[in-house]
């Protein structure tokens, strides 16, 4: 989890450091493999991640 926190900190500090990819998304690599299905705003429908995981 420490690696993930440090990566989030780097992203927040300088998001432009990461190249744009498909549909204006950006990617940050970490040393350990973790699958993130979605990062959603708290005001969004919490079941939305289920729709994204099927694609």
N, C-alpha and C. Protein backbone atom coordinates (compact mmCIF):
# COMPACT_ATOMS: atom_id res chain seq x y z
N UNK A 1 0.82 -1.20 0.00
CA UNK A 1 0.00 0.00 0.00
C UNK A 1 0.86 1.26 0.00
N UNK A 2 2.02 1.18 0.59
CA UNK A 2 2.92 2.35 0.61
C UNK A 2 3.27 2.77 -0.81
N UNK A 3 3.54 1.81 -1.67
CA UNK A 3 3.87 2.10 -3.08
C UNK A 3 2.71 2.81 -3.76
N UNK A 4 1.50 2.36 -3.51
CA UNK A 4 0.31 2.97 -4.11
C UNK A 4 0.13 4.40 -3.61
N UNK A 5 0.29 4.60 -2.31
CA UNK A 5 0.17 5.96 -1.76
C UNK A 5 1.20 6.91 -2.35
N UNK A 6 2.43 6.43 -2.49
CA UNK A 6 3.49 7.27 -3.06
C UNK A 6 3.17 7.61 -4.52
N UNK A 7 2.64 6.65 -5.25
CA UNK A 7 2.29 6.89 -6.65
C UNK A 7 1.16 7.90 -6.75
N UNK A 8 0.14 7.78 -5.91
CA UNK A 8 -0.95 8.77 -5.90
C UNK A 8 -0.41 10.16 -5.58
N UNK A 9 0.51 10.24 -4.65
CA UNK A 9 1.11 11.52 -4.30
C UNK A 9 1.84 12.12 -5.51
N UNK A 10 2.61 11.30 -6.22
CA UNK A 10 3.31 11.79 -7.42
C UNK A 10 2.32 12.25 -8.49
N UNK A 11 1.24 11.52 -8.66
CA UNK A 11 0.22 11.90 -9.65
C UNK A 11 -0.40 13.24 -9.28
N UNK A 12 -0.78 13.40 -8.01
CA UNK A 12 -1.38 14.67 -7.56
C UNK A 12 -0.40 15.83 -7.70
N UNK A 13 0.87 15.57 -7.44
CA UNK A 13 1.87 16.63 -7.49
C UNK A 13 2.14 17.10 -8.91
N UNK A 14 2.11 16.16 -9.87
CA UNK A 14 2.45 16.52 -11.24
C UNK A 14 1.74 15.58 -12.23
N UNK A 15 0.44 15.74 -12.42
CA UNK A 15 -0.29 14.83 -13.33
C UNK A 15 0.17 14.91 -14.78
N UNK A 16 0.69 16.05 -15.18
CA UNK A 16 1.14 16.21 -16.56
C UNK A 16 2.41 15.41 -16.87
N UNK A 17 3.04 14.86 -15.85
CA UNK A 17 4.26 14.06 -16.06
C UNK A 17 3.95 12.71 -16.70
N UNK A 18 2.69 12.33 -16.70
CA UNK A 18 2.30 11.03 -17.24
C UNK A 18 1.66 11.23 -18.61
N UNK A 19 2.12 10.46 -19.58
CA UNK A 19 1.66 10.61 -20.97
C UNK A 19 0.17 10.29 -21.09
N UNK A 20 -0.50 11.02 -21.98
CA UNK A 20 -1.90 10.75 -22.24
C UNK A 20 -2.02 9.50 -23.08
N UNK A 21 -3.06 8.73 -22.77
CA UNK A 21 -3.33 7.51 -23.52
C UNK A 21 -4.72 7.56 -24.13
N UNK A 22 -5.33 6.43 -24.21
CA UNK A 22 -6.66 6.27 -24.79
C UNK A 22 -7.68 7.17 -24.09
N UNK A 23 -8.42 7.95 -24.86
CA UNK A 23 -9.47 8.84 -24.36
C UNK A 23 -8.98 9.78 -23.25
N UNK A 24 -7.80 10.33 -23.44
CA UNK A 24 -7.23 11.32 -22.52
C UNK A 24 -6.96 10.77 -21.11
N UNK A 25 -6.79 9.47 -20.99
CA UNK A 25 -6.44 8.89 -19.70
C UNK A 25 -4.93 8.93 -19.53
N UNK A 26 -4.48 8.84 -18.31
CA UNK A 26 -3.05 8.82 -18.02
C UNK A 26 -2.75 7.57 -17.21
N UNK A 27 -1.52 7.08 -17.34
CA UNK A 27 -1.14 5.84 -16.68
C UNK A 27 0.11 6.04 -15.86
N UNK A 28 0.08 5.55 -14.64
CA UNK A 28 1.25 5.58 -13.76
C UNK A 28 1.55 4.15 -13.35
N UNK A 29 2.77 3.72 -13.58
CA UNK A 29 3.15 2.36 -13.24
C UNK A 29 3.69 2.28 -11.82
N UNK A 30 3.40 1.17 -11.18
CA UNK A 30 3.96 0.91 -9.86
C UNK A 30 4.71 -0.41 -9.90
N UNK A 31 5.53 -0.65 -8.91
CA UNK A 31 6.38 -1.85 -8.93
C UNK A 31 5.62 -3.12 -8.62
N UNK A 32 4.55 -3.02 -7.90
CA UNK A 32 3.73 -4.19 -7.57
C UNK A 32 2.48 -4.18 -8.44
N UNK A 33 1.99 -5.35 -8.78
CA UNK A 33 0.84 -5.47 -9.67
C UNK A 33 -0.46 -5.40 -8.87
N UNK A 34 -1.30 -4.43 -9.19
CA UNK A 34 -2.61 -4.27 -8.57
C UNK A 34 -3.60 -3.93 -9.68
N UNK A 35 -4.74 -4.55 -9.65
CA UNK A 35 -5.79 -4.25 -10.63
C UNK A 35 -6.76 -3.26 -10.00
N UNK A 36 -6.92 -2.11 -10.66
CA UNK A 36 -7.88 -1.11 -10.21
C UNK A 36 -9.00 -1.10 -11.24
N UNK A 37 -10.19 -1.47 -10.81
CA UNK A 37 -11.32 -1.51 -11.73
C UNK A 37 -11.88 -0.13 -12.01
N UNK A 38 -11.88 0.72 -10.99
CA UNK A 38 -12.42 2.06 -11.18
C UNK A 38 -12.02 2.94 -10.01
N UNK A 39 -11.91 4.22 -10.29
CA UNK A 39 -11.76 5.23 -9.26
C UNK A 39 -12.89 6.21 -9.50
N UNK A 40 -13.81 6.24 -8.56
CA UNK A 40 -15.03 7.01 -8.76
C UNK A 40 -15.20 8.08 -7.69
N UNK A 41 -15.84 9.15 -8.06
CA UNK A 41 -16.22 10.20 -7.12
C UNK A 41 -17.29 9.65 -6.19
N UNK A 42 -17.27 10.05 -4.94
CA UNK A 42 -18.22 9.53 -3.95
C UNK A 42 -19.67 9.84 -4.31
N UNK A 43 -19.89 10.85 -5.11
CA UNK A 43 -21.25 11.21 -5.49
C UNK A 43 -21.81 10.36 -6.62
N UNK A 44 -20.98 9.50 -7.21
CA UNK A 44 -21.42 8.64 -8.31
C UNK A 44 -22.10 7.38 -7.78
N UNK A 45 -22.77 6.68 -8.66
CA UNK A 45 -23.43 5.42 -8.32
C UNK A 45 -22.37 4.39 -7.93
N UNK A 46 -22.40 3.85 -6.71
CA UNK A 46 -21.36 2.92 -6.28
C UNK A 46 -21.35 1.60 -7.03
N UNK A 47 -22.41 1.29 -7.77
CA UNK A 47 -22.43 0.04 -8.54
C UNK A 47 -21.81 0.20 -9.92
N UNK A 48 -21.37 1.39 -10.26
CA UNK A 48 -20.79 1.65 -11.58
C UNK A 48 -19.57 0.78 -11.86
N UNK A 49 -18.80 0.45 -10.83
CA UNK A 49 -17.60 -0.36 -11.04
C UNK A 49 -17.96 -1.73 -11.62
N UNK A 50 -19.13 -2.24 -11.29
CA UNK A 50 -19.54 -3.54 -11.84
C UNK A 50 -19.69 -3.47 -13.35
N UNK A 51 -20.23 -2.36 -13.85
CA UNK A 51 -20.38 -2.20 -15.30
C UNK A 51 -19.01 -2.12 -15.95
N UNK A 52 -18.08 -1.43 -15.34
CA UNK A 52 -16.74 -1.28 -15.91
C UNK A 52 -15.96 -2.58 -15.89
N UNK A 53 -16.19 -3.43 -14.91
CA UNK A 53 -15.42 -4.66 -14.80
C UNK A 53 -15.82 -5.68 -15.86
N UNK A 54 -16.96 -5.51 -16.50
CA UNK A 54 -17.40 -6.46 -17.52
C UNK A 54 -16.87 -6.10 -18.91
N UNK A 55 -16.18 -4.97 -19.05
CA UNK A 55 -15.67 -4.56 -20.36
C UNK A 55 -14.27 -5.00 -20.57
